[in-house]
């Protein structure tokens, strides 16, 4: 009878050990899955932030390029206005010299 109780206790301990091992592995697997999910969400967040920063940079570059173009065109218009005024003055002087 003592041997049967000892075998029974060993079987119970063996089953408990297998159950505990299974629970531990399952718990680790669940924890690892949660960690993968968290890391995946962090990576997705970083990708979104990176894309938004790139988009913002591209938008700023486009805006600055457009602003520079507008300023250049305004500068060209101003210079052409001065040239036209100077040519008009020169023509008046030349016409005055012909009649004088």
PDB file of N, CA and C in Angstrom:
ATOM      1  N   UNK A   1       0.816  -1.188   0.000  1.00  0.00           N
ATOM      2  CA  UNK A   1       0.000   0.000   0.000  1.00  0.00           C
ATOM      3  C   UNK A   1       0.860   1.252   0.000  1.00  0.00           C
ATOM      4  N   UNK A   2       1.973   1.194   0.739  1.00  0.00           N
ATOM      5  CA  UNK A   2       2.870   2.336   0.800  1.00  0.00           C
ATOM      6  C   UNK A   2       3.453   2.632  -0.581  1.00  0.00           C
ATOM      7  N   UNK A   3       3.766   1.661  -1.358  1.00  0.00           N
ATOM      8  CA  UNK A   3       4.299   1.848  -2.693  1.00  0.00           C
ATOM      9  C   UNK A   3       3.246   2.478  -3.586  1.00  0.00           C
ATOM     10  N   UNK A   4       2.020   2.071  -3.456  1.00  0.00           N
ATOM     11  CA  UNK A   4       0.936   2.616  -4.261  1.00  0.00           C
ATOM     12  C   UNK A   4       0.720   4.092  -3.933  1.00  0.00           C
ATOM     13  N   UNK A   5       0.806   4.450  -2.672  1.00  0.00           N
ATOM     14  CA  UNK A   5       0.651   5.860  -2.287  1.00  0.00           C
ATOM     15  C   UNK A   5       1.828   6.663  -2.820  1.00  0.00           C
ATOM     16  N   UNK A   6       3.034   6.110  -2.744  1.00  0.00           N
ATOM     17  CA  UNK A   6       4.218   6.800  -3.259  1.00  0.00           C
ATOM     18  C   UNK A   6       4.128   7.001  -4.762  1.00  0.00           C
ATOM     19  N   UNK A   7       3.667   5.964  -5.485  1.00  0.00           N
ATOM     20  CA  UNK A   7       3.493   6.077  -6.937  1.00  0.00           C
ATOM     21  C   UNK A   7       2.405   7.091  -7.250  1.00  0.00           C
ATOM     22  N   UNK A   8       1.309   7.045  -6.475  1.00  0.00           N
ATOM     23  CA  UNK A   8       0.211   7.987  -6.683  1.00  0.00           C
ATOM     24  C   UNK A   8       0.686   9.426  -6.483  1.00  0.00           C
ATOM     25  N   UNK A   9       1.495   9.646  -5.431  1.00  0.00           N
ATOM     26  CA  UNK A   9       2.015  10.996  -5.148  1.00  0.00           C
ATOM     27  C   UNK A   9       2.962  11.435  -6.270  1.00  0.00           C
ATOM     28  N   UNK A  10       3.774  10.526  -6.756  1.00  0.00           N
ATOM     29  CA  UNK A  10       4.684  10.867  -7.851  1.00  0.00           C
ATOM     30  C   UNK A  10       3.909  11.211  -9.126  1.00  0.00           C
ATOM     31  N   UNK A  11       2.843  10.471  -9.369  1.00  0.00           N
ATOM     32  CA  UNK A  11       1.994  10.753 -10.551  1.00  0.00           C
ATOM     33  C   UNK A  11       1.339  12.120 -10.397  1.00  0.00           C
ATOM     34  N   UNK A  12       0.848  12.419  -9.215  1.00  0.00           N
ATOM     35  CA  UNK A  12       0.221  13.722  -8.959  1.00  0.00           C
ATOM     36  C   UNK A  12       1.256  14.836  -9.134  1.00  0.00           C
ATOM     37  N   UNK A  13       2.448  14.631  -8.601  1.00  0.00           N
ATOM     38  CA  UNK A  13       3.514  15.634  -8.733  1.00  0.00           C
ATOM     39  C   UNK A  13       3.897  15.806 -10.190  1.00  0.00           C
ATOM     40  N   UNK A  14       3.971  14.684 -10.920  1.00  0.00           N
ATOM     41  CA  UNK A  14       4.300  14.732 -12.340  1.00  0.00           C
ATOM     42  C   UNK A  14       3.232  15.498 -13.119  1.00  0.00           C
ATOM     43  N   UNK A  15       1.972  15.219 -12.851  1.00  0.00           N
ATOM     44  CA  UNK A  15       0.863  15.916 -13.532  1.00  0.00           C
ATOM     45  C   UNK A  15       0.869  17.394 -13.162  1.00  0.00           C
ATOM     46  N   UNK A  16       1.121  17.693 -11.885  1.00  0.00           N
ATOM     47  CA  UNK A  16       1.179  19.090 -11.446  1.00  0.00           C
ATOM     48  C   UNK A  16       2.344  19.809 -12.126  1.00  0.00           C
ATOM     49  N   UNK A  17       3.475  19.111 -12.241  1.00  0.00           N
ATOM     50  CA  UNK A  17       4.638  19.709 -12.904  1.00  0.00           C
ATOM     51  C   UNK A  17       4.370  19.983 -14.369  1.00  0.00           C
ATOM     52  N   UNK A  18       3.736  19.031 -15.047  1.00  0.00           N
ATOM     53  CA  UNK A  18       3.384  19.224 -16.467  1.00  0.00           C
ATOM     54  C   UNK A  18       2.396  20.377 -16.603  1.00  0.00           C
ATOM     55  N   UNK A  19       1.404  20.409 -15.702  1.00  0.00           N
ATOM     56  CA  UNK A  19       0.419  21.501 -15.731  1.00  0.00           C
ATOM     57  C   UNK A  19       1.066  22.857 -15.490  1.00  0.00           C
ATOM     58  N   UNK A  20       1.976  22.903 -14.522  1.00  0.00           N
ATOM     59  CA  UNK A  20       2.659  24.159 -14.223  1.00  0.00           C
ATOM     60  C   UNK A  20       3.544  24.585 -15.389  1.00  0.00           C
ATOM     61  N   UNK A  21       4.221  23.617 -15.996  1.00  0.00           N
ATOM     62  CA  UNK A  21       5.059  23.937 -17.170  1.00  0.00           C
ATOM     63  C   UNK A  21       4.202  24.472 -18.305  1.00  0.00           C
ATOM     64  N   UNK A  22       3.074  23.826 -18.553  1.00  0.00           N
ATOM     65  CA  UNK A  22       2.168  24.272 -19.617  1.00  0.00           C
ATOM     66  C   UNK A  22       1.664  25.696 -19.333  1.00  0.00           C
ATOM     67  N   UNK A  23       1.271  25.935 -18.086  1.00  0.00           N
ATOM     68  CA  UNK A  23       0.769  27.268 -17.715  1.00  0.00           C
ATOM     69  C   UNK A  23       1.856  28.320 -17.873  1.00  0.00           C
ATOM     70  N   UNK A  24       3.081  27.984 -17.496  1.00  0.00           N
ATOM     71  CA  UNK A  24       4.200  28.922 -17.625  1.00  0.00           C
ATOM     72  C   UNK A  24       4.470  29.238 -19.091  1.00  0.00           C
ATOM     73  N   UNK A  25       4.514  28.194 -19.908  1.00  0.00           N
ATOM     74  CA  UNK A  25       4.754  28.402 -21.345  1.00  0.00           C
ATOM     75  C   UNK A  25       3.629  29.216 -21.959  1.00  0.00           C
ATOM     76  N   UNK A  26       2.409  28.898 -21.588  1.00  0.00           N
ATOM     77  CA  UNK A  26       1.246  29.639 -22.114  1.00  0.00           C
ATOM     78  C   UNK A  26       1.310  31.108 -21.686  1.00  0.00           C
ATOM     79  N   UNK A  27       1.674  31.337 -20.433  1.00  0.00           N
ATOM     80  CA  UNK A  27       1.776  32.697 -19.912  1.00  0.00           C
ATOM     81  C   UNK A  27       2.870  33.474 -20.640  1.00  0.00           C
ATOM     82  N   UNK A  28       4.022  32.848 -20.837  1.00  0.00           N
ATOM     83  CA  UNK A  28       5.112  33.507 -21.567  1.00  0.00           C
ATOM     84  C   UNK A  28       4.701  33.801 -22.999  1.00  0.00           C
ATOM     85  N   UNK A  29       4.030  32.840 -23.614  1.00  0.00           N
ATOM     86  CA  UNK A  29       3.587  33.022 -24.995  1.00  0.00           C
ATOM     87  C   UNK A  29       2.622  34.200 -25.082  1.00  0.00           C
ATOM     88  N   UNK A  30       1.703  34.265 -24.119  1.00  0.00           N
ATOM     89  CA  UNK A  30       0.738  35.370 -24.080  1.00  0.00           C
ATOM     90  C   UNK A  30       1.456  36.694 -23.853  1.00  0.00           C
ATOM     91  N   UNK A  31       2.415  36.705 -22.929  1.00  0.00           N
ATOM     92  CA  UNK A  31       3.182  37.916 -22.638  1.00  0.00           C
ATOM     93  C   UNK A  31       3.988  38.348 -23.866  1.00  0.00           C
ATOM     94  N   UNK A  32       4.631  37.367 -24.517  1.00  0.00           N
ATOM     95  CA  UNK A  32       5.402  37.676 -25.721  1.00  0.00           C
ATOM     96  C   UNK A  32       4.510  38.248 -26.817  1.00  0.00           C
ATOM     97  N   UNK A  33       3.317  37.699 -26.945  1.00  0.00           N
ATOM     98  CA  UNK A  33       2.373  38.191 -27.959  1.00  0.00           C
ATOM     99  C   UNK A  33       1.970  39.636 -27.642  1.00  0.00           C
ATOM    100  N   UNK A  34       1.734  39.922 -26.365  1.00  0.00           N
ATOM    101  CA  UNK A  34       1.402  41.289 -25.962  1.00  0.00           C
ATOM    102  C   UNK A  34       2.560  42.225 -26.262  1.00  0.00           C
ATOM    103  N   UNK A  35       3.782  41.785 -25.967  1.00  0.00           N
ATOM    104  CA  UNK A  35       4.959  42.604 -26.233  1.00  0.00           C
ATOM    105  C   UNK A  35       5.117  42.862 -27.733  1.00  0.00           C
ATOM    106  N   UNK A  36       4.887  41.822 -28.546  1.00  0.00           N
ATOM    107  CA  UNK A  36       4.960  42.010 -29.999  1.00  0.00           C
ATOM    108  C   UNK A  36       3.923  43.028 -30.467  1.00  0.00           C
ATOM    109  N   UNK A  37       2.739  42.940 -29.890  1.00  0.00           N
ATOM    110  CA  UNK A  37       1.670  43.868 -30.267  1.00  0.00           C
ATOM    111  C   UNK A  37       2.043  45.305 -29.886  1.00  0.00           C
ATOM    112  N   UNK A  38       2.572  45.479 -28.676  1.00  0.00           N
ATOM    113  CA  UNK A  38       2.988  46.813 -28.216  1.00  0.00           C
ATOM    114  C   UNK A  38       4.099  47.356 -29.117  1.00  0.00           C
ATOM    115  N   UNK A  39       5.097  46.508 -29.412  1.00  0.00           N
ATOM    116  CA  UNK A  39       6.209  46.945 -30.271  1.00  0.00           C
ATOM    117  C   UNK A  39       5.706  47.279 -31.672  1.00  0.00           C
ATOM    118  N   UNK A  40       4.788  46.488 -32.179  1.00  0.00           N
ATOM    119  CA  UNK A  40       4.228  46.744 -33.499  1.00  0.00           C
ATOM    120  C   UNK A  40       3.502  48.094 -33.526  1.00  0.00           C
ATOM    121  N   UNK A  41       2.751  48.380 -32.460  1.00  0.00           N
ATOM    122  CA  UNK A  41       2.051  49.670 -32.369  1.00  0.00           C
ATOM    123  C   UNK A  41       3.046  50.822 -32.280  1.00  0.00           C
ATOM    124  N   UNK A  42       4.126  50.634 -31.525  1.00  0.00           N
ATOM    125  CA  UNK A  42       5.151  51.689 -31.415  1.00  0.00           C
ATOM    126  C   UNK A  42       5.812  51.943 -32.770  1.00  0.00           C
ATOM    127  N   UNK A  43       6.122  50.869 -33.478  1.00  0.00           N
ATOM    128  CA  UNK A  43       6.747  51.022 -34.795  1.00  0.00           C
ATOM    129  C   UNK A  43       5.803  51.734 -35.741  1.00  0.00           C
ATOM    130  N   UNK A  44       4.524  51.359 -35.723  1.00  0.00           N
ATOM    131  CA  UNK A  44       3.539  52.027 -36.580  1.00  0.00           C
ATOM    132  C   UNK A  44       3.436  53.508 -36.231  1.00  0.00           C
ATOM    133  N   UNK A  45       3.473  53.828 -34.936  1.00  0.00           N
ATOM    134  CA  UNK A  45       3.416  55.224 -34.501  1.00  0.00           C
ATOM    135  C   UNK A  45       4.638  55.993 -34.996  1.00  0.00           C
ATOM    136  N   UNK A  46       5.822  55.377 -34.879  1.00  0.00           N
ATOM    137  CA  UNK A  46       7.042  56.036 -35.351  1.00  0.00           C
ATOM    138  C   UNK A  46       7.009  56.229 -36.866  1.00  0.00           C
ATOM    139  N   UNK A  47       6.477  55.243 -37.591  1.00  0.00           N
ATOM    140  CA  UNK A  47       6.357  55.388 -39.044  1.00  0.00           C
ATOM    141  C   UNK A  47       5.441  56.558 -39.389  1.00  0.00           C
ATOM    142  N   UNK A  48       4.318  56.674 -38.689  1.00  0.00           N
ATOM    143  CA  UNK A  48       3.386  57.781 -38.943  1.00  0.00           C
ATOM    144  C   UNK A  48       4.043  59.123 -38.645  1.00  0.00           C
ATOM    145  N   UNK A  49       4.764  59.188 -37.507  1.00  0.00           N
ATOM    146  CA  UNK A  49       5.436  60.441 -37.156  1.00  0.00           C
ATOM    147  C   UNK A  49       6.495  60.793 -38.191  1.00  0.00           C
ATOM    148  N   UNK A  50       7.242  59.786 -38.645  1.00  0.00           N
ATOM    149  CA  UNK A  50       8.276  60.018 -39.654  1.00  0.00           C
ATOM    150  C   UNK A  50       7.655  60.517 -40.942  1.00  0.00           C
ATOM    151  N   UNK A  51       6.563  59.869 -41.364  1.00  0.00           N
ATOM    152  CA  UNK A  51       5.896  60.297 -42.597  1.00  0.00           C
ATOM    153  C   UNK A  51       5.334  61.710 -42.466  1.00  0.00           C
ATOM    154  N   UNK A  52       4.774  62.024 -41.294  1.00  0.00           N
ATOM    155  CA  UNK A  52       4.223  63.369 -41.120  1.00  0.00           C
ATOM    156  C   UNK A  52       5.335  64.406 -41.123  1.00  0.00           C
ATOM    157  N   UNK A  53       6.488  64.066 -40.520  1.00  0.00           N
ATOM    158  CA  UNK A  53       7.613  65.006 -40.540  1.00  0.00           C
ATOM    159  C   UNK A  53       8.139  65.188 -41.957  1.00  0.00           C
ATOM    160  N   UNK A  54       8.221  64.097 -42.715  1.00  0.00           N
ATOM    161  CA  UNK A  54       8.671  64.206 -44.102  1.00  0.00           C
ATOM    162  C   UNK A  54       7.683  65.026 -44.914  1.00  0.00           C
ATOM    163  N   UNK A  55       6.405  64.769 -44.699  1.00  0.00           N
ATOM    164  CA  UNK A  55       5.383  65.516 -45.427  1.00  0.00           C
ATOM    165  C   UNK A  55       5.452  66.996 -45.060  1.00  0.00           C
ATOM    166  N   UNK A  56       5.662  67.262 -43.760  1.00  0.00           N
ATOM    167  CA  UNK A  56       5.765  68.643 -43.306  1.00  0.00           C
ATOM    168  C   UNK A  56       6.983  69.300 -43.946  1.00  0.00           C
ATOM    169  N   UNK A  57       8.092  68.569 -43.995  1.00  0.00           N
ATOM    170  CA  UNK A  57       9.312  69.089 -44.607  1.00  0.00           C
ATOM    171  C   UNK A  57       9.090  69.374 -46.086  1.00  0.00           C
ATOM    172  N   UNK A  58       8.456  68.427 -46.779  1.00  0.00           N
ATOM    173  CA  UNK A  58       8.167  68.631 -48.199  1.00  0.00           C
ATOM    174  C   UNK A  58       7.252  69.832 -48.406  1.00  0.00           C
ATOM    175  N   UNK A  59       6.245  69.955 -47.537  1.00  0.00           N
ATOM    176  CA  UNK A  59       5.315  71.079 -47.653  1.00  0.00           C
ATOM    177  C   UNK A  59       6.038  72.405 -47.413  1.00  0.00           C
ATOM    178  N   UNK A  60       6.903  72.432 -46.391  1.00  0.00           N
ATOM    179  CA  UNK A  60       7.653  73.659 -46.114  1.00  0.00           C
ATOM    180  C   UNK A  60       8.576  73.995 -47.274  1.00  0.00           C
ATOM    181  N   UNK A  61       9.219  72.982 -47.829  1.00  0.00           N
ATOM    182  CA  UNK A  61      10.118  73.218 -48.958  1.00  0.00           C
ATOM    183  C   UNK A  61       9.338  73.754 -50.153  1.00  0.00           C
ATOM    184  N   UNK A  62       8.177  73.172 -50.404  1.00  0.00           N
ATOM    185  CA  UNK A  62       7.346  73.642 -51.519  1.00  0.00           C
ATOM    186  C   UNK A  62       6.904  75.085 -51.276  1.00  0.00           C
ATOM    187  N   UNK A  63       6.488  75.379 -50.027  1.00  0.00           N
ATOM    188  CA  UNK A  63       6.055  76.733 -49.699  1.00  0.00           C
ATOM    189  C   UNK A  63       7.201  77.720 -49.874  1.00  0.00           C
ATOM    190  N   UNK A  64       8.388  77.352 -49.367  1.00  0.00           N
ATOM    191  CA  UNK A  64       9.530  78.257 -49.492  1.00  0.00           C
ATOM    192  C   UNK A  64       9.917  78.452 -50.954  1.00  0.00           C
ATOM    193  N   UNK A  65       9.869  77.391 -51.746  1.00  0.00           N
ATOM    194  CA  UNK A  65      10.173  77.501 -53.163  1.00  0.00           C
ATOM    195  C   UNK A  65       9.173  78.428 -53.839  1.00  0.00           C
ATOM    196  N   UNK A  66       7.906  78.272 -53.499  1.00  0.00           N
ATOM    197  CA  UNK A  66       6.869  79.134 -54.078  1.00  0.00           C
ATOM    198  C   UNK A  66       7.066  80.582 -53.630  1.00  0.00           C
ATOM    199  N   UNK A  67       7.391  80.769 -52.356  1.00  0.00           N
ATOM    200  CA  UNK A  67       7.626  82.115 -51.828  1.00  0.00           C
ATOM    201  C   UNK A  67       8.839  82.753 -52.504  1.00  0.00           C
ATOM    202  N   UNK A  68       9.919  81.974 -52.649  1.00  0.00           N
ATOM    203  CA  UNK A  68      11.107  82.491 -53.324  1.00  0.00           C
ATOM    204  C   UNK A  68      10.790  82.869 -54.768  1.00  0.00           C
ATOM    205  N   UNK A  69      10.003  82.030 -55.445  1.00  0.00           N
ATOM    206  CA  UNK A  69       9.620  82.331 -56.827  1.00  0.00           C
ATOM    207  C   UNK A  69       8.831  83.645 -56.894  1.00  0.00           C
ATOM    208  N   UNK A  70       7.873  83.792 -55.987  1.00  0.00           N
ATOM    209  CA  UNK A  70       7.070  85.026 -55.981  1.00  0.00           C
ATOM    210  C   UNK A  70       7.937  86.253 -55.706  1.00  0.00           C
ATOM    211  N   UNK A  71       8.867  86.126 -54.755  1.00  0.00           N
ATOM    212  CA  UNK A  71       9.755  87.254 -54.463  1.00  0.00           C
ATOM    213  C   UNK A  71      10.661  87.564 -55.654  1.00  0.00           C
ATOM    214  N   UNK A  72      11.145  86.522 -56.324  1.00  0.00           N
ATOM    215  CA  UNK A  72      11.988  86.729 -57.504  1.00  0.00           C
ATOM    216  C   UNK A  72      11.195  87.427 -58.598  1.00  0.00           C
ATOM    217  N   UNK A  73       9.965  86.985 -58.814  1.00  0.00           N
ATOM    218  CA  UNK A  73       9.134  87.622 -59.843  1.00  0.00           C
ATOM    219  C   UNK A  73       8.845  89.079 -59.491  1.00  0.00           C
ATOM    220  N   UNK A  74       8.614  89.356 -58.212  1.00  0.00           N
ATOM    221  CA  UNK A  74       8.375  90.732 -57.785  1.00  0.00           C
ATOM    222  C   UNK A  74       9.629  91.574 -58.022  1.00  0.00           C
ATOM    223  N   UNK A  75      10.806  90.987 -57.718  1.00  0.00           N
ATOM    224  CA  UNK A  75      12.074  91.670 -57.944  1.00  0.00           C
ATOM    225  C   UNK A  75      12.283  91.959 -59.434  1.00  0.00           C
ATOM    226  N   UNK A  76      11.987  90.966 -60.269  1.00  0.00           N
ATOM    227  CA  UNK A  76      12.117  91.157 -61.725  1.00  0.00           C
ATOM    228  C   UNK A  76      11.166  92.248 -62.199  1.00  0.00           C
ATOM    229  N   UNK A  77       9.928  92.219 -61.708  1.00  0.00           N
ATOM    230  CA  UNK A  77       8.961  93.260 -62.089  1.00  0.00           C
ATOM    231  C   UNK A  77       9.455  94.646 -61.681  1.00  0.00           C
ATOM    232  N   UNK A  78      10.004  94.752 -60.465  1.00  0.00           N
ATOM    233  CA  UNK A  78      10.537  96.040 -60.011  1.00  0.00           C
ATOM    234  C   UNK A  78      11.676  96.513 -60.927  1.00  0.00           C
ATOM    235  N   UNK A  79      12.592  95.613 -61.260  1.00  0.00           N
ATOM    236  CA  UNK A  79      13.715  95.985 -62.122  1.00  0.00           C
ATOM    237  C   UNK A  79      13.238  96.380 -63.509  1.00  0.00           C
ATOM    238  N   UNK A  80      12.272  95.614 -64.035  1.00  0.00           N
ATOM    239  CA  UNK A  80      11.734  95.974 -65.359  1.00  0.00           C
ATOM    240  C   UNK A  80      11.048  97.333 -65.311  1.00  0.00           C
ATOM    241  N   UNK A  81      10.357  97.606 -64.197  1.00  0.00           N
ATOM    242  CA  UNK A  81       9.721  98.917 -64.053  1.00  0.00           C
ATOM    243  C   UNK A  81      10.757 100.035 -64.066  1.00  0.00           C
ATOM    244  N   UNK A  82      11.876  99.817 -63.361  1.00  0.00           N
ATOM    245  CA  UNK A  82      12.947 100.814 -63.353  1.00  0.00           C
ATOM    246  C   UNK A  82      13.560 100.973 -64.747  1.00  0.00           C
ATOM    247  N   UNK A  83      13.769  99.862 -65.434  1.00  0.00           N
ATOM    248  CA  UNK A  83      14.348  99.926 -66.780  1.00  0.00           C
ATOM    249  C   UNK A  83      13.428 100.677 -67.717  1.00  0.00           C
ATOM    250  N   UNK A  84      12.122 100.400 -67.650  1.00  0.00           N
ATOM    251  CA  UNK A  84      11.163 101.106 -68.509  1.00  0.00           C
ATOM    252  C   UNK A  84      11.153 102.601 -68.213  1.00  0.00           C
ATOM    253  N   UNK A  85      11.198 102.921 -66.908  1.00  0.00           N
ATOM    254  CA  UNK A  85      11.216 104.343 -66.537  1.00  0.00           C
ATOM    255  C   UNK A  85      12.494 105.005 -67.037  1.00  0.00           C
ATOM    256  N   UNK A  86      13.633 104.327 -66.888  1.00  0.00           N
ATOM    257  CA  UNK A  86      14.905 104.882 -67.370  1.00  0.00           C
ATOM    258  C   UNK A  86      14.896 105.036 -68.885  1.00  0.00           C
ATOM    259  N   UNK A  87      14.364 104.045 -69.591  1.00  0.00           N
ATOM    260  CA  UNK A  87      14.303 104.144 -71.056  1.00  0.00           C
ATOM    261  C   UNK A  87      13.402 105.297 -71.472  1.00  0.00           C
ATOM    262  N   UNK A  88      12.306 105.473 -70.747  1.00  0.00           N
ATOM    263  CA  UNK A  88      11.401 106.572 -71.059  1.00  0.00           C
ATOM    264  C   UNK A  88      12.106 107.913 -70.857  1.00  0.00           C
ATOM    265  N   UNK A  89      12.869 108.014 -69.764  1.00  0.00           N
ATOM    266  CA  UNK A  89      13.616 109.248 -69.507  1.00  0.00           C
ATOM    267  C   UNK A  89      14.667 109.483 -70.592  1.00  0.00           C
ATOM    268  N   UNK A  90      15.353 108.412 -70.983  1.00  0.00           N
ATOM    269  CA  UNK A  90      16.384 108.528 -72.026  1.00  0.00           C
ATOM    270  C   UNK A  90      15.756 108.976 -73.340  1.00  0.00           C
ATOM    271  N   UNK A  91      14.593 108.383 -73.688  1.00  0.00           N
ATOM    272  CA  UNK A  91      13.907 108.778 -74.929  1.00  0.00           C
ATOM    273  C   UNK A  91      13.497 110.252 -74.883  1.00  0.00           C
ATOM    274  N   UNK A  92      13.016 110.694 -73.756  1.00  0.00           N
ATOM    275  CA  UNK A  92      12.637 112.106 -73.634  1.00  0.00           C
ATOM    276  C   UNK A  92      13.854 112.994 -73.833  1.00  0.00           C
ATOM    277  N   UNK A  93      14.984 112.600 -73.230  1.00  0.00           N
ATOM    278  CA  UNK A  93      16.215 113.393 -73.374  1.00  0.00           C
ATOM    279  C   UNK A  93      16.645 113.409 -74.834  1.00  0.00           C
ATOM    280  N   UNK A  94      16.614 112.243 -75.466  1.00  0.00           N
ATOM    281  CA  UNK A  94      17.032 112.166 -76.880  1.00  0.00           C
ATOM    282  C   UNK A  94      16.100 112.970 -77.781  1.00  0.00           C
ATOM    283  N   UNK A  95      14.822 112.925 -77.543  1.00  0.00           N
ATOM    284  CA  UNK A  95      13.863 113.694 -78.349  1.00  0.00           C
ATOM    285  C   UNK A  95      14.073 115.186 -78.123  1.00  0.00           C
ATOM    286  N   UNK A  96      14.387 115.531 -76.875  1.00  0.00           N
ATOM    287  CA  UNK A  96      14.656 116.946 -76.597  1.00  0.00           C
ATOM    288  C   UNK A  96      15.917 117.421 -77.295  1.00  0.00           C
ATOM    289  N   UNK A  97      16.910 116.546 -77.388  1.00  0.00           N
ATOM    290  CA  UNK A  97      18.174 116.891 -78.032  1.00  0.00           C
ATOM    291  C   UNK A  97      17.964 117.048 -79.531  1.00  0.00           C
ATOM    292  N   UNK A  98      17.102 116.271 -80.134  1.00  0.00           N
ATOM    293  CA  UNK A  98      16.836 116.377 -81.576  1.00  0.00           C
ATOM    294  C   UNK A  98      16.134 117.674 -81.907  1.00  0.00           C
ATOM    295  N   UNK A  99      15.229 118.083 -81.059  1.00  0.00           N
ATOM    296  CA  UNK A  99      14.468 119.292 -81.343  1.00  0.00           C
ATOM    297  C   UNK A  99      15.245 120.545 -80.951  1.00  0.00           C
ATOM    298  N   UNK A 100      16.234 120.406 -80.135  1.00  0.00           N
ATOM    299  CA  UNK A 100      16.957 121.539 -79.619  1.00  0.00           C
ATOM    300  C   UNK A 100      18.102 121.926 -80.419  1.00  0.00           C
TER     301      UNK A 100
END
